[in-house]
Structures are given as structure tokens and as C-alpha cells.
């Protein structure tokens, strides 16, 4: 696993290498909206979630996504993870149902990944 921060950005080329080594075309990631960081490169979103919780993140700030670095920018981010299933918080699917939260996630990812 790797934590990506504004002090330690990651390149699209690095994401391609990680994707190729793990799942072929995809990387699982968990984004912390409050801290503005994400953890990447694990078999399960829940492992990345646990890493962030252990380092001070709050559950309600964490969202699971998948990154497809070979796809065009408007298609490369997928909002799908079991950790997103939170009926008590109003998110009733594996997707991120709230468009505002999706935009916040996209903004964090855009800050952390440089082309």
C-alpha cells in the first residue's frame, strides 16, 4: 500500500505500472476527503480503509474508488466499493450516490495525481 499526499504526489505513469502489476488495468483506492489524501495499491478497499483509520481518518470521510489509468480523464475514475455502502448515512449503494461527494473525491484525486 502507498499513501498519496500533496507532499508526495503520484504520476499517471506510476499508476499505470501499479495497475499492470496488480489487476492489469485498475487500482483500488480509498480517499479521505477531510485530510485530502488517498491510499492505493491493495487487494481490497477495506485494507486501505483500515490503514487510513489507523492513522487518524474518520469513517465518514472515507470513500472507495477504482482508478483506470489507461482510460481518458473523464472516464478513469469509478465510484464503486463495498465500503461505500452506508444506508445509515444515506448512501444505499456501492457507488457514491451524492454528486457533491463525487466532485470532492474527483478534486482530491486531481490534486494528488500529476500527468
PDB file of N, CA and C in Angstrom:
ATOM      1  N   UNK A   1       0.843  -1.188   0.000  1.00  0.00           N
ATOM      2  CA  UNK A   1       0.000   0.000   0.000  1.00  0.00           C
ATOM      3  C   UNK A   1       0.879   1.240   0.000  1.00  0.00           C
ATOM      4  N   UNK A   2       0.335   2.283  -0.583  1.00  0.00           N
ATOM      5  CA  UNK A   2       1.033   3.553  -0.654  1.00  0.00           C
ATOM      6  C   UNK A   2       0.056   4.673  -0.323  1.00  0.00           C
ATOM      7  N   UNK A   3       0.488   5.593   0.522  1.00  0.00           N
ATOM      8  CA  UNK A   3      -0.301   6.773   0.828  1.00  0.00           C
ATOM      9  C   UNK A   3       0.157   7.905  -0.082  1.00  0.00           C
ATOM     10  N   UNK A   4      -0.798   8.526  -0.748  1.00  0.00           N
ATOM     11  CA  UNK A   4      -0.511   9.625  -1.657  1.00  0.00           C
ATOM     12  C   UNK A   4      -1.011  10.911  -0.998  1.00  0.00           C
ATOM     13  N   UNK A   5      -0.106  11.890  -0.890  1.00  0.00           N
ATOM     14  CA  UNK A   5      -0.425  13.169  -0.260  1.00  0.00           C
ATOM     15  C   UNK A   5       0.000  14.295  -1.193  1.00  0.00           C
ATOM     16  N   UNK A   6      -0.342  15.526  -0.836  1.00  0.00           N
ATOM     17  CA  UNK A   6       0.093  16.664  -1.651  1.00  0.00           C
ATOM     18  C   UNK A   6       1.607  16.830  -1.581  1.00  0.00           C
ATOM     19  N   UNK A   7       2.240  16.331  -0.522  1.00  0.00           N
ATOM     20  CA  UNK A   7       3.695  16.379  -0.423  1.00  0.00           C
ATOM     21  C   UNK A   7       4.351  15.244  -1.208  1.00  0.00           C
ATOM     22  N   UNK A   8       3.611  14.171  -1.440  1.00  0.00           N
ATOM     23  CA  UNK A   8       4.116  13.018  -2.183  1.00  0.00           C
ATOM     24  C   UNK A   8       3.087  12.633  -3.244  1.00  0.00           C
ATOM     25  N   UNK A   9       3.067  13.403  -4.323  1.00  0.00           N
ATOM     26  CA  UNK A   9       2.143  13.147  -5.420  1.00  0.00           C
ATOM     27  C   UNK A   9       2.538  11.872  -6.152  1.00  0.00           C
ATOM     28  N   UNK A  10       1.654  11.406  -7.006  1.00  0.00           N
ATOM     29  CA  UNK A  10       1.954  10.227  -7.814  1.00  0.00           C
ATOM     30  C   UNK A  10       1.684  10.568  -9.275  1.00  0.00           C
ATOM     31  N   UNK A  11       2.479  10.023 -10.147  1.00  0.00           N
ATOM     32  CA  UNK A  11       2.313  10.281 -11.575  1.00  0.00           C
ATOM     33  C   UNK A  11       1.382   9.260 -12.207  1.00  0.00           C
ATOM     34  N   UNK A  12       0.827   9.635 -13.326  1.00  0.00           N
ATOM     35  CA  UNK A  12      -0.025   8.715 -14.076  1.00  0.00           C
ATOM     36  C   UNK A  12       0.798   7.512 -14.536  1.00  0.00           C
ATOM     37  N   UNK A  13       2.053   7.724 -14.903  1.00  0.00           N
ATOM     38  CA  UNK A  13       2.915   6.604 -15.296  1.00  0.00           C
ATOM     39  C   UNK A  13       3.091   5.612 -14.147  1.00  0.00           C
ATOM     40  N   UNK A  14       3.272   6.119 -12.933  1.00  0.00           N
ATOM     41  CA  UNK A  14       3.391   5.223 -11.767  1.00  0.00           C
ATOM     42  C   UNK A  14       2.099   4.451 -11.552  1.00  0.00           C
ATOM     43  N   UNK A  15       0.965   5.119 -11.722  1.00  0.00           N
ATOM     44  CA  UNK A  15      -0.321   4.428 -11.574  1.00  0.00           C
ATOM     45  C   UNK A  15      -0.466   3.325 -12.620  1.00  0.00           C
ATOM     46  N   UNK A  16      -0.028   3.593 -13.820  1.00  0.00           N
ATOM     47  CA  UNK A  16      -0.090   2.554 -14.871  1.00  0.00           C
ATOM     48  C   UNK A  16       0.748   1.340 -14.482  1.00  0.00           C
ATOM     49  N   UNK A  17       1.931   1.586 -13.934  1.00  0.00           N
ATOM     50  CA  UNK A  17       2.806   0.483 -13.514  1.00  0.00           C
ATOM     51  C   UNK A  17       2.177  -0.310 -12.379  1.00  0.00           C
ATOM     52  N   UNK A  18       1.606   0.378 -11.415  1.00  0.00           N
ATOM     53  CA  UNK A  18       0.956  -0.295 -10.284  1.00  0.00           C
ATOM     54  C   UNK A  18      -0.231  -1.123 -10.779  1.00  0.00           C
ATOM     55  N   UNK A  19      -1.041  -0.533 -11.652  1.00  0.00           N
ATOM     56  CA  UNK A  19      -2.208  -1.246 -12.190  1.00  0.00           C
ATOM     57  C   UNK A  19      -1.774  -2.504 -12.920  1.00  0.00           C
ATOM     58  N   UNK A  20      -0.752  -2.374 -13.732  1.00  0.00           N
ATOM     59  CA  UNK A  20      -0.257  -3.512 -14.507  1.00  0.00           C
ATOM     60  C   UNK A  20       0.223  -4.642 -13.598  1.00  0.00           C
ATOM     61  N   UNK A  21       0.858  -4.282 -12.510  1.00  0.00           N
ATOM     62  CA  UNK A  21       1.415  -5.281 -11.595  1.00  0.00           C
ATOM     63  C   UNK A  21       0.351  -5.963 -10.739  1.00  0.00           C
ATOM     64  N   UNK A  22      -0.766  -5.281 -10.467  1.00  0.00           N
ATOM     65  CA  UNK A  22      -1.753  -5.848  -9.539  1.00  0.00           C
ATOM     66  C   UNK A  22      -2.974  -6.429 -10.242  1.00  0.00           C
ATOM     67  N   UNK A  23      -3.767  -5.614 -10.905  1.00  0.00           N
ATOM     68  CA  UNK A  23      -5.017  -6.079 -11.512  1.00  0.00           C
ATOM     69  C   UNK A  23      -5.013  -5.982 -13.039  1.00  0.00           C
ATOM     70  N   UNK A  24      -3.971  -5.460 -13.598  1.00  0.00           N
ATOM     71  CA  UNK A  24      -3.876  -5.335 -15.046  1.00  0.00           C
ATOM     72  C   UNK A  24      -4.219  -3.951 -15.556  1.00  0.00           C
ATOM     73  N   UNK A  25      -5.424  -3.463 -15.222  1.00  0.00           N
ATOM     74  CA  UNK A  25      -5.838  -2.158 -15.746  1.00  0.00           C
ATOM     75  C   UNK A  25      -6.460  -1.252 -14.689  1.00  0.00           C
ATOM     76  N   UNK A  26      -6.471  -1.683 -13.434  1.00  0.00           N
ATOM     77  CA  UNK A  26      -7.198  -0.970 -12.401  1.00  0.00           C
ATOM     78  C   UNK A  26      -6.425  -0.930 -11.091  1.00  0.00           C
ATOM     79  N   UNK A  27      -6.650   0.141 -10.332  1.00  0.00           N
ATOM     80  CA  UNK A  27      -6.074   0.296  -8.991  1.00  0.00           C
ATOM     81  C   UNK A  27      -7.221   0.616  -8.040  1.00  0.00           C
ATOM     82  N   UNK A  28      -7.260  -0.063  -6.921  1.00  0.00           N
ATOM     83  CA  UNK A  28      -8.226   0.282  -5.873  1.00  0.00           C
ATOM     84  C   UNK A  28      -7.615   1.407  -5.033  1.00  0.00           C
ATOM     85  N   UNK A  29      -8.471   2.322  -4.602  1.00  0.00           N
ATOM     86  CA  UNK A  29      -8.007   3.450  -3.783  1.00  0.00           C
ATOM     87  C   UNK A  29      -9.105   3.826  -2.799  1.00  0.00           C
ATOM     88  N   UNK A  30      -8.686   4.392  -1.674  1.00  0.00           N
ATOM     89  CA  UNK A  30      -9.622   4.977  -0.716  1.00  0.00           C
ATOM     90  C   UNK A  30      -9.173   6.408  -0.472  1.00  0.00           C
ATOM     91  N   UNK A  31     -10.111   7.343  -0.612  1.00  0.00           N
ATOM     92  CA  UNK A  31      -9.847   8.767  -0.472  1.00  0.00           C
ATOM     93  C   UNK A  31     -10.402   9.257   0.859  1.00  0.00           C
ATOM     94  N   UNK A  32      -9.599  10.060   1.567  1.00  0.00           N
ATOM     95  CA  UNK A  32     -10.051  10.743   2.777  1.00  0.00           C
ATOM     96  C   UNK A  32     -10.328  12.189   2.381  1.00  0.00           C
ATOM     97  N   UNK A  33     -11.588  12.582   2.370  1.00  0.00           N
ATOM     98  CA  UNK A  33     -11.961  13.911   1.912  1.00  0.00           C
ATOM     99  C   UNK A  33     -11.476  15.020   2.840  1.00  0.00           C
ATOM    100  N   UNK A  34     -11.449  14.785   4.139  1.00  0.00           N
ATOM    101  CA  UNK A  34     -11.025  15.820   5.080  1.00  0.00           C
ATOM    102  C   UNK A  34      -9.518  16.023   5.054  1.00  0.00           C
ATOM    103  N   UNK A  35      -8.773  14.939   5.038  1.00  0.00           N
ATOM    104  CA  UNK A  35      -7.311  15.033   5.047  1.00  0.00           C
ATOM    105  C   UNK A  35      -6.732  15.269   3.656  1.00  0.00           C
ATOM    106  N   UNK A  36      -7.511  15.046   2.617  1.00  0.00           N
ATOM    107  CA  UNK A  36      -7.049  15.273   1.257  1.00  0.00           C
ATOM    108  C   UNK A  36      -5.961  14.312   0.817  1.00  0.00           C
ATOM    109  N   UNK A  37      -6.073  13.057   1.253  1.00  0.00           N
ATOM    110  CA  UNK A  37      -5.086  12.034   0.908  1.00  0.00           C
ATOM    111  C   UNK A  37      -5.812  10.797   0.388  1.00  0.00           C
ATOM    112  N   UNK A  38      -5.031   9.874  -0.175  1.00  0.00           N
ATOM    113  CA  UNK A  38      -5.615   8.590  -0.557  1.00  0.00           C
ATOM    114  C   UNK A  38      -4.574   7.495  -0.385  1.00  0.00           C
ATOM    115  N   UNK A  39      -5.073   6.299  -0.161  1.00  0.00           N
ATOM    116  CA  UNK A  39      -4.226   5.111  -0.098  1.00  0.00           C
ATOM    117  C   UNK A  39      -4.558   4.278  -1.322  1.00  0.00           C
ATOM    118  N   UNK A  40      -3.504   3.780  -1.976  1.00  0.00           N
ATOM    119  CA  UNK A  40      -3.670   2.988  -3.189  1.00  0.00           C
ATOM    120  C   UNK A  40      -2.909   1.675  -3.066  1.00  0.00           C
ATOM    121  N   UNK A  41      -3.148   0.813  -4.018  1.00  0.00           N
ATOM    122  CA  UNK A  41      -2.356  -0.395  -4.221  1.00  0.00           C
ATOM    123  C   UNK A  41      -2.535  -1.449  -3.135  1.00  0.00           C
ATOM    124  N   UNK A  42      -3.769  -1.914  -2.982  1.00  0.00           N
ATOM    125  CA  UNK A  42      -4.071  -3.037  -2.095  1.00  0.00           C
ATOM    126  C   UNK A  42      -5.077  -3.934  -2.806  1.00  0.00           C
ATOM    127  N   UNK A  43      -5.193  -5.154  -2.333  1.00  0.00           N
ATOM    128  CA  UNK A  43      -6.156  -6.085  -2.923  1.00  0.00           C
ATOM    129  C   UNK A  43      -7.597  -5.691  -2.621  1.00  0.00           C
ATOM    130  N   UNK A  44      -7.812  -5.077  -1.454  1.00  0.00           N
ATOM    131  CA  UNK A  44      -9.163  -4.747  -1.010  1.00  0.00           C
ATOM    132  C   UNK A  44      -9.256  -3.295  -0.562  1.00  0.00           C
ATOM    133  N   UNK A  45     -10.377  -2.651  -0.874  1.00  0.00           N
ATOM    134  CA  UNK A  45     -10.614  -1.309  -0.347  1.00  0.00           C
ATOM    135  C   UNK A  45     -10.607  -1.318   1.178  1.00  0.00           C
ATOM    136  N   UNK A  46     -11.092  -2.387   1.756  1.00  0.00           N
ATOM    137  CA  UNK A  46     -11.165  -2.450   3.224  1.00  0.00           C
ATOM    138  C   UNK A  46      -9.774  -2.420   3.865  1.00  0.00           C
ATOM    139  N   UNK A  47      -8.758  -2.950   3.178  1.00  0.00           N
ATOM    140  CA  UNK A  47      -7.386  -2.854   3.707  1.00  0.00           C
ATOM    141  C   UNK A  47      -6.910  -1.406   3.703  1.00  0.00           C
ATOM    142  N   UNK A  48      -7.220  -0.694   2.635  1.00  0.00           N
ATOM    143  CA  UNK A  48      -6.830   0.715   2.542  1.00  0.00           C
ATOM    144  C   UNK A  48      -7.600   1.550   3.566  1.00  0.00           C
ATOM    145  N   UNK A  49      -8.867   1.231   3.725  1.00  0.00           N
ATOM    146  CA  UNK A  49      -9.697   1.902   4.719  1.00  0.00           C
ATOM    147  C   UNK A  49      -9.112   1.702   6.119  1.00  0.00           C
ATOM    148  N   UNK A  50      -8.723   0.481   6.437  1.00  0.00           N
ATOM    149  CA  UNK A  50      -8.140   0.182   7.754  1.00  0.00           C
ATOM    150  C   UNK A  50      -6.856   0.965   7.976  1.00  0.00           C
ATOM    151  N   UNK A  51      -6.051   1.085   6.941  1.00  0.00           N
ATOM    152  CA  UNK A  51      -4.810   1.862   7.039  1.00  0.00           C
ATOM    153  C   UNK A  51      -5.097   3.324   7.374  1.00  0.00           C
ATOM    154  N   UNK A  52      -6.060   3.890   6.697  1.00  0.00           N
ATOM    155  CA  UNK A  52      -6.406   5.292   6.963  1.00  0.00           C
ATOM    156  C   UNK A  52      -7.018   5.469   8.350  1.00  0.00           C
ATOM    157  N   UNK A  53      -7.878   4.553   8.762  1.00  0.00           N
ATOM    158  CA  UNK A  53      -8.461   4.647  10.108  1.00  0.00           C
ATOM    159  C   UNK A  53      -7.381   4.548  11.178  1.00  0.00           C
ATOM    160  N   UNK A  54      -6.382   3.715  10.948  1.00  0.00           N
ATOM    161  CA  UNK A  54      -5.290   3.550  11.915  1.00  0.00           C
ATOM    162  C   UNK A  54      -4.417   4.791  12.018  1.00  0.00           C
ATOM    163  N   UNK A  55      -4.459   5.639  10.992  1.00  0.00           N
ATOM    164  CA  UNK A  55      -3.623   6.841  11.014  1.00  0.00           C
ATOM    165  C   UNK A  55      -4.430   8.115  11.272  1.00  0.00           C
ATOM    166  N   UNK A  56      -5.655   7.975  11.768  1.00  0.00           N
ATOM    167  CA  UNK A  56      -6.416   9.132  12.222  1.00  0.00           C
ATOM    168  C   UNK A  56      -7.585   9.571  11.368  1.00  0.00           C
ATOM    169  N   UNK A  57      -7.893   8.871  10.312  1.00  0.00           N
ATOM    170  CA  UNK A  57      -9.049   9.236   9.491  1.00  0.00           C
ATOM    171  C   UNK A  57     -10.346   8.852  10.181  1.00  0.00           C
ATOM    172  N   UNK A  58     -11.421   9.516   9.786  1.00  0.00           N
ATOM    173  CA  UNK A  58     -12.752   9.203  10.301  1.00  0.00           C
ATOM    174  C   UNK A  58     -13.531   8.451   9.226  1.00  0.00           C
ATOM    175  N   UNK A  59     -14.270   7.459   9.619  1.00  0.00           N
ATOM    176  CA  UNK A  59     -15.030   6.611   8.690  1.00  0.00           C
ATOM    177  C   UNK A  59     -15.868   7.422   7.714  1.00  0.00           C
ATOM    178  N   UNK A  60     -16.548   8.436   8.210  1.00  0.00           N
ATOM    179  CA  UNK A  60     -17.458   9.197   7.352  1.00  0.00           C
ATOM    180  C   UNK A  60     -16.743   9.991   6.256  1.00  0.00           C
ATOM    181  N   UNK A  61     -15.428  10.130   6.368  1.00  0.00           N
ATOM    182  CA  UNK A  61     -14.639  10.860   5.369  1.00  0.00           C
ATOM    183  C   UNK A  61     -14.057   9.962   4.281  1.00  0.00           C
ATOM    184  N   UNK A  62     -14.212   8.649   4.419  1.00  0.00           N
ATOM    185  CA  UNK A  62     -13.545   7.696   3.531  1.00  0.00           C
ATOM    186  C   UNK A  62     -14.482   7.155   2.459  1.00  0.00           C
ATOM    187  N   UNK A  63     -13.963   7.150   1.220  1.00  0.00           N
ATOM    188  CA  UNK A  63     -14.741   6.655   0.084  1.00  0.00           C
ATOM    189  C   UNK A  63     -13.855   5.812  -0.806  1.00  0.00           C
ATOM    190  N   UNK A  64     -14.377   4.662  -1.214  1.00  0.00           N
ATOM    191  CA  UNK A  64     -13.634   3.753  -2.075  1.00  0.00           C
ATOM    192  C   UNK A  64     -13.882   4.038  -3.546  1.00  0.00           C
ATOM    193  N   UNK A  65     -12.804   3.998  -4.315  1.00  0.00           N
ATOM    194  CA  UNK A  65     -12.884   4.232  -5.761  1.00  0.00           C
ATOM    195  C   UNK A  65     -11.964   3.254  -6.482  1.00  0.00           C
ATOM    196  N   UNK A  66     -12.122   3.199  -7.789  1.00  0.00           N
ATOM    197  CA  UNK A  66     -11.208   2.453  -8.644  1.00  0.00           C
ATOM    198  C   UNK A  66     -10.673   3.410  -9.691  1.00  0.00           C
ATOM    199  N   UNK A  67      -9.397   3.290  -9.987  1.00  0.00           N
ATOM    200  CA  UNK A  67      -8.739   4.131 -10.981  1.00  0.00           C
ATOM    201  C   UNK A  67      -8.323   3.272 -12.164  1.00  0.00           C
ATOM    202  N   UNK A  68      -8.622   3.746 -13.359  1.00  0.00           N
ATOM    203  CA  UNK A  68      -8.246   3.070 -14.596  1.00  0.00           C
ATOM    204  C   UNK A  68      -7.337   4.008 -15.381  1.00  0.00           C
ATOM    205  N   UNK A  69      -6.025   3.980 -15.120  1.00  0.00           N
ATOM    206  CA  UNK A  69      -5.118   4.976 -15.695  1.00  0.00           C
ATOM    207  C   UNK A  69      -5.006   4.979 -17.215  1.00  0.00           C
ATOM    208  N   UNK A  70      -5.458   3.940 -17.883  1.00  0.00           N
ATOM    209  CA  UNK A  70      -5.391   3.914 -19.342  1.00  0.00           C
ATOM    210  C   UNK A  70      -6.596   4.591 -19.998  1.00  0.00           C
ATOM    211  N   UNK A  71      -7.635   4.873 -19.230  1.00  0.00           N
ATOM    212  CA  UNK A  71      -8.831   5.499 -19.789  1.00  0.00           C
ATOM    213  C   UNK A  71      -8.681   7.018 -19.852  1.00  0.00           C
ATOM    214  N   UNK A  72      -9.489   7.684 -20.683  1.00  0.00           N
ATOM    215  CA  UNK A  72      -9.455   9.148 -20.742  1.00  0.00           C
ATOM    216  C   UNK A  72      -9.842   9.757 -19.392  1.00  0.00           C
ATOM    217  N   UNK A  73      -9.403  10.989 -19.112  1.00  0.00           N
ATOM    218  CA  UNK A  73      -9.651  11.624 -17.806  1.00  0.00           C
ATOM    219  C   UNK A  73     -11.104  11.640 -17.357  1.00  0.00           C
ATOM    220  N   UNK A  74     -12.032  11.779 -18.284  1.00  0.00           N
ATOM    221  CA  UNK A  74     -13.445  11.839 -17.888  1.00  0.00           C
ATOM    222  C   UNK A  74     -14.028  10.473 -17.562  1.00  0.00           C
ATOM    223  N   UNK A  75     -13.267   9.404 -17.813  1.00  0.00           N
ATOM    224  CA  UNK A  75     -13.772   8.044 -17.578  1.00  0.00           C
ATOM    225  C   UNK A  75     -12.928   7.227 -16.603  1.00  0.00           C
ATOM    226  N   UNK A  76     -11.795   7.711 -16.178  1.00  0.00           N
ATOM    227  CA  UNK A  76     -10.832   6.862 -15.477  1.00  0.00           C
ATOM    228  C   UNK A  76     -11.141   6.630 -13.999  1.00  0.00           C
ATOM    229  N   UNK A  77     -12.079   7.362 -13.440  1.00  0.00           N
ATOM    230  CA  UNK A  77     -12.411   7.234 -12.026  1.00  0.00           C
ATOM    231  C   UNK A  77     -13.777   6.560 -11.884  1.00  0.00           C
ATOM    232  N   UNK A  78     -13.821   5.480 -11.101  1.00  0.00           N
ATOM    233  CA  UNK A  78     -15.063   4.735 -10.868  1.00  0.00           C
ATOM    234  C   UNK A  78     -15.384   4.764  -9.376  1.00  0.00           C
ATOM    235  N   UNK A  79     -16.604   5.142  -9.034  1.00  0.00           N
ATOM    236  CA  UNK A  79     -17.029   5.288  -7.639  1.00  0.00           C
ATOM    237  C   UNK A  79     -17.710   4.014  -7.163  1.00  0.00           C
ATOM    238  N   UNK A  80     -16.984   2.916  -7.057  1.00  0.00           N
ATOM    239  CA  UNK A  80     -17.586   1.625  -6.733  1.00  0.00           C
ATOM    240  C   UNK A  80     -16.753   0.886  -5.701  1.00  0.00           C
ATOM    241  N   UNK A  81     -17.327   0.658  -4.527  1.00  0.00           N
ATOM    242  CA  UNK A  81     -16.652  -0.094  -3.478  1.00  0.00           C
ATOM    243  C   UNK A  81     -17.659  -0.518  -2.413  1.00  0.00           C
ATOM    244  N   UNK A  82     -17.423  -1.678  -1.843  1.00  0.00           N
ATOM    245  CA  UNK A  82     -18.278  -2.147  -0.741  1.00  0.00           C
ATOM    246  C   UNK A  82     -18.224  -1.197   0.453  1.00  0.00           C
ATOM    247  N   UNK A  83     -17.094  -0.518   0.670  1.00  0.00           N
ATOM    248  CA  UNK A  83     -17.012   0.374   1.838  1.00  0.00           C
ATOM    249  C   UNK A  83     -17.920   1.585   1.695  1.00  0.00           C
ATOM    250  N   UNK A  84     -18.421   1.843   0.485  1.00  0.00           N
ATOM    251  CA  UNK A  84     -19.328   2.976   0.267  1.00  0.00           C
ATOM    252  C   UNK A  84     -20.759   2.662   0.678  1.00  0.00           C
ATOM    253  N   UNK A  85     -21.062   1.416   0.897  1.00  0.00           N
ATOM    254  CA  UNK A  85     -22.412   1.001   1.267  1.00  0.00           C
ATOM    255  C   UNK A  85     -22.683   1.413   2.712  1.00  0.00           C
ATOM    256  N   UNK A  86     -23.450   2.497   2.882  1.00  0.00           N
ATOM    257  CA  UNK A  86     -23.730   3.066   4.207  1.00  0.00           C
ATOM    258  C   UNK A  86     -25.169   3.546   4.289  1.00  0.00           C
ATOM    259  N   UNK A  87     -26.103   2.643   4.398  1.00  0.00           N
ATOM    260  CA  UNK A  87     -27.512   3.057   4.439  1.00  0.00           C
ATOM    261  C   UNK A  87     -27.823   4.044   5.558  1.00  0.00           C
ATOM    262  N   UNK A  88     -27.176   3.889   6.705  1.00  0.00           N
ATOM    263  CA  UNK A  88     -27.465   4.795   7.825  1.00  0.00           C
ATOM    264  C   UNK A  88     -27.000   6.226   7.551  1.00  0.00           C
ATOM    265  N   UNK A  89     -26.103   6.388   6.589  1.00  0.00           N
ATOM    266  CA  UNK A  89     -25.620   7.718   6.205  1.00  0.00           C
ATOM    267  C   UNK A  89     -26.240   8.189   4.895  1.00  0.00           C
ATOM    268  N   UNK A  90     -27.202   7.432   4.374  1.00  0.00           N
ATOM    269  CA  UNK A  90     -27.888   7.829   3.164  1.00  0.00           C
ATOM    270  C   UNK A  90     -27.274   7.318   1.878  1.00  0.00           C
ATOM    271  N   UNK A  91     -26.167   6.576   1.954  1.00  0.00           N
ATOM    272  CA  UNK A  91     -25.567   6.005   0.739  1.00  0.00           C
ATOM    273  C   UNK A  91     -25.970   4.539   0.678  1.00  0.00           C
ATOM    274  N   UNK A  92     -26.940   4.231  -0.167  1.00  0.00           N
ATOM    275  CA  UNK A  92     -27.546   2.906  -0.193  1.00  0.00           C
ATOM    276  C   UNK A  92     -26.985   1.979  -1.259  1.00  0.00           C
ATOM    277  N   UNK A  93     -25.863   2.351  -1.859  1.00  0.00           N
ATOM    278  CA  UNK A  93     -25.272   1.500  -2.887  1.00  0.00           C
ATOM    279  C   UNK A  93     -23.758   1.463  -2.730  1.00  0.00           C
ATOM    280  N   UNK A  94     -23.123   0.652  -3.550  1.00  0.00           N
ATOM    281  CA  UNK A  94     -21.662   0.583  -3.557  1.00  0.00           C
ATOM    282  C   UNK A  94     -21.065   1.804  -4.237  1.00  0.00           C
ATOM    283  N   UNK A  95     -21.886   2.539  -4.960  1.00  0.00           N
ATOM    284  CA  UNK A  95     -21.449   3.764  -5.611  1.00  0.00           C
ATOM    285  C   UNK A  95     -21.484   4.915  -4.619  1.00  0.00           C
ATOM    286  N   UNK A  96     -20.977   6.050  -5.035  1.00  0.00           N
ATOM    287  CA  UNK A  96     -21.114   7.270  -4.247  1.00  0.00           C
ATOM    288  C   UNK A  96     -22.326   7.987  -4.827  1.00  0.00           C
ATOM    289  N   UNK A  97     -23.427   7.980  -4.083  1.00  0.00           N
ATOM    290  CA  UNK A  97     -24.699   8.466  -4.595  1.00  0.00           C
ATOM    291  C   UNK A  97     -24.783   9.992  -4.691  1.00  0.00           C
ATOM    292  N   UNK A  98     -24.112  10.695  -3.802  1.00  0.00           N
ATOM    293  CA  UNK A  98     -24.198  12.157  -3.741  1.00  0.00           C
ATOM    294  C   UNK A  98     -23.246  12.792  -4.762  1.00  0.00           C
ATOM    295  N   UNK A  99     -23.776  13.540  -5.734  1.00  0.00           N
ATOM    296  CA  UNK A  99     -22.919  14.169  -6.744  1.00  0.00           C
ATOM    297  C   UNK A  99     -21.878  15.120  -6.139  1.00  0.00           C
ATOM    298  N   UNK A 100     -22.221  15.797  -5.053  1.00  0.00           N
ATOM    299  CA  UNK A 100     -21.272  16.722  -4.414  1.00  0.00           C
ATOM    300  C   UNK A 100     -20.086  15.960  -3.835  1.00  0.00           C
ATOM    301  N   UNK A 101     -20.331  14.809  -3.243  1.00  0.00           N
ATOM    302  CA  UNK A 101     -19.234  13.996  -2.707  1.00  0.00           C
ATOM    303  C   UNK A 101     -18.386  13.446  -3.843  1.00  0.00           C
ATOM    304  N   UNK A 102     -19.017  13.043  -4.935  1.00  0.00           N
ATOM    305  CA  UNK A 102     -18.236  12.582  -6.105  1.00  0.00           C
ATOM    306  C   UNK A 102     -17.304  13.678  -6.598  1.00  0.00           C
ATOM    307  N   UNK A 103     -17.780  14.915  -6.624  1.00  0.00           N
ATOM    308  CA  UNK A 103     -16.934  16.030  -7.071  1.00  0.00           C
ATOM    309  C   UNK A 103     -15.792  16.290  -6.082  1.00  0.00           C
ATOM    310  N   UNK A 104     -16.057  16.150  -4.796  1.00  0.00           N
ATOM    311  CA  UNK A 104     -14.991  16.314  -3.793  1.00  0.00           C
ATOM    312  C   UNK A 104     -13.922  15.239  -3.984  1.00  0.00           C
ATOM    313  N   UNK A 105     -14.353  14.005  -4.220  1.00  0.00           N
ATOM    314  CA  UNK A 105     -13.408  12.909  -4.451  1.00  0.00           C
ATOM    315  C   UNK A 105     -12.583  13.206  -5.694  1.00  0.00           C
ATOM    316  N   UNK A 106     -13.244  13.609  -6.761  1.00  0.00           N
ATOM    317  CA  UNK A 106     -12.545  13.923  -8.015  1.00  0.00           C
ATOM    318  C   UNK A 106     -11.512  15.038  -7.800  1.00  0.00           C
ATOM    319  N   UNK A 107     -11.859  16.047  -6.999  1.00  0.00           N
ATOM    320  CA  UNK A 107     -10.943  17.157  -6.735  1.00  0.00           C
ATOM    321  C   UNK A 107      -9.697  16.678  -5.984  1.00  0.00           C
ATOM    322  N   UNK A 108      -9.882  15.798  -4.995  1.00  0.00           N
ATOM    323  CA  UNK A 108      -8.729  15.265  -4.254  1.00  0.00           C
ATOM    324  C   UNK A 108      -7.841  14.462  -5.193  1.00  0.00           C
ATOM    325  N   UNK A 109      -8.435  13.586  -5.972  1.00  0.00           N
ATOM    326  CA  UNK A 109      -7.648  12.767  -6.900  1.00  0.00           C
ATOM    327  C   UNK A 109      -6.907  13.653  -7.895  1.00  0.00           C
ATOM    328  N   UNK A 110      -7.571  14.663  -8.420  1.00  0.00           N
ATOM    329  CA  UNK A 110      -6.930  15.576  -9.375  1.00  0.00           C
ATOM    330  C   UNK A 110      -5.734  16.296  -8.761  1.00  0.00           C
ATOM    331  N   UNK A 111      -5.801  16.637  -7.468  1.00  0.00           N
ATOM    332  CA  UNK A 111      -4.673  17.295  -6.782  1.00  0.00           C
ATOM    333  C   UNK A 111      -3.505  16.342  -6.562  1.00  0.00           C
ATOM    334  N   UNK A 112      -3.810  15.046  -6.360  1.00  0.00           N
ATOM    335  CA  UNK A 112      -2.783  14.085  -5.970  1.00  0.00           C
ATOM    336  C   UNK A 112      -2.107  13.374  -7.131  1.00  0.00           C
ATOM    337  N   UNK A 113      -2.729  13.378  -8.289  1.00  0.00           N
ATOM    338  CA  UNK A 113      -2.166  12.670  -9.460  1.00  0.00           C
ATOM    339  C   UNK A 113      -1.728  13.712 -10.473  1.00  0.00           C
ATOM    340  N   UNK A 114      -0.443  13.666 -10.812  1.00  0.00           N
ATOM    341  CA  UNK A 114       0.019  14.587 -11.851  1.00  0.00           C
ATOM    342  C   UNK A 114       0.320  13.824 -13.123  1.00  0.00           C
ATOM    343  N   UNK A 115       0.041  14.476 -14.219  1.00  0.00           N
ATOM    344  CA  UNK A 115       0.212  13.837 -15.523  1.00  0.00           C
ATOM    345  C   UNK A 115       1.622  13.913 -15.915  1.00  0.00           C
TER     346      UNK A 115
END
